[in-house]
């Protein structure tokens, strides 16, 4: 279970990284709607990462 949770944490970090890059690209192209969508995905992914991290500490 601990190993699975670590993999999920890494996946959430990857989602955050990809959405941050996509938000930057959308911002530089002037696409406001896509920028805000990717910014929302970034915030959600960081929140899920921190929740999973806290959850893994409580499992120990």
Protein backbone atom coordinates (compact mmCIF):
# COMPACT_ATOMS: atom_id res chain seq x y z
CA UNK A 1 0.00 0.00 0.00
CA UNK A 2 2.84 2.40 0.84
CA UNK A 3 4.51 1.85 -2.53
CA UNK A 4 1.22 2.40 -4.37
CA UNK A 5 0.64 5.68 -2.53
CA UNK A 6 4.14 6.87 -3.50
CA UNK A 7 3.41 6.12 -7.17
CA UNK A 8 0.15 8.06 -6.96
CA UNK A 9 2.03 11.01 -5.42
CA UNK A 10 4.48 11.01 -8.33
CA UNK A 11 1.62 10.88 -10.82
CA UNK A 12 -0.03 13.91 -9.19
CA UNK A 13 3.27 15.81 -9.36
CA UNK A 14 3.57 14.92 -13.05
CA UNK A 15 0.02 16.15 -13.69
CA UNK A 16 0.88 19.39 -11.88
CA UNK A 17 4.05 19.85 -13.95
CA UNK A 18 2.29 19.23 -17.26
CA UNK A 19 -0.59 21.54 -16.40
CA UNK A 20 1.84 24.28 -15.32
CA UNK A 21 3.61 24.07 -18.68
CA UNK A 22 0.28 24.04 -20.53
CA UNK A 23 -0.89 27.07 -18.52
CA UNK A 24 2.29 28.94 -19.44
CA UNK A 25 1.83 28.11 -23.13
CA UNK A 26 -1.83 29.17 -23.02
CA UNK A 27 -0.90 32.42 -21.26
CA UNK A 28 1.74 33.29 -23.83
CA UNK A 29 -0.74 32.60 -26.66
CA UNK A 30 -3.39 34.74 -24.99
CA UNK A 31 -5.92 31.96 -24.46
CA UNK A 32 -7.53 33.03 -21.18
CA UNK A 33 -10.05 30.19 -20.90
CA UNK A 34 -7.42 27.47 -21.37
CA UNK A 35 -5.02 29.29 -19.03
CA UNK A 36 -7.55 29.33 -16.20
CA UNK A 37 -8.49 25.70 -16.83
CA UNK A 38 -4.86 24.58 -16.65
CA UNK A 39 -4.28 26.77 -13.60
CA UNK A 40 -7.23 25.04 -11.91
CA UNK A 41 -5.86 21.62 -12.81
CA UNK A 42 -2.48 22.64 -11.41
CA UNK A 43 -3.98 23.76 -8.09
CA UNK A 44 -6.10 20.60 -7.86
CA UNK A 45 -3.09 18.37 -8.59
CA UNK A 46 -0.97 20.09 -5.92
CA UNK A 47 -3.85 19.74 -3.45
CA UNK A 48 -4.21 16.03 -4.24
CA UNK A 49 -0.45 15.55 -3.88
CA UNK A 50 -0.45 17.15 -0.44
CA UNK A 51 -3.49 15.12 0.64
CA UNK A 52 -1.81 11.90 -0.48
CA UNK A 53 1.41 12.90 1.29
CA UNK A 54 -0.43 13.52 4.56
CA UNK A 55 -2.31 10.27 4.08
CA UNK A 56 0.93 8.32 3.68
CA UNK A 57 2.28 9.79 6.93
CA UNK A 58 -0.81 8.65 8.79
CA UNK A 59 -0.48 5.10 7.40
CA UNK A 60 3.01 4.62 8.90
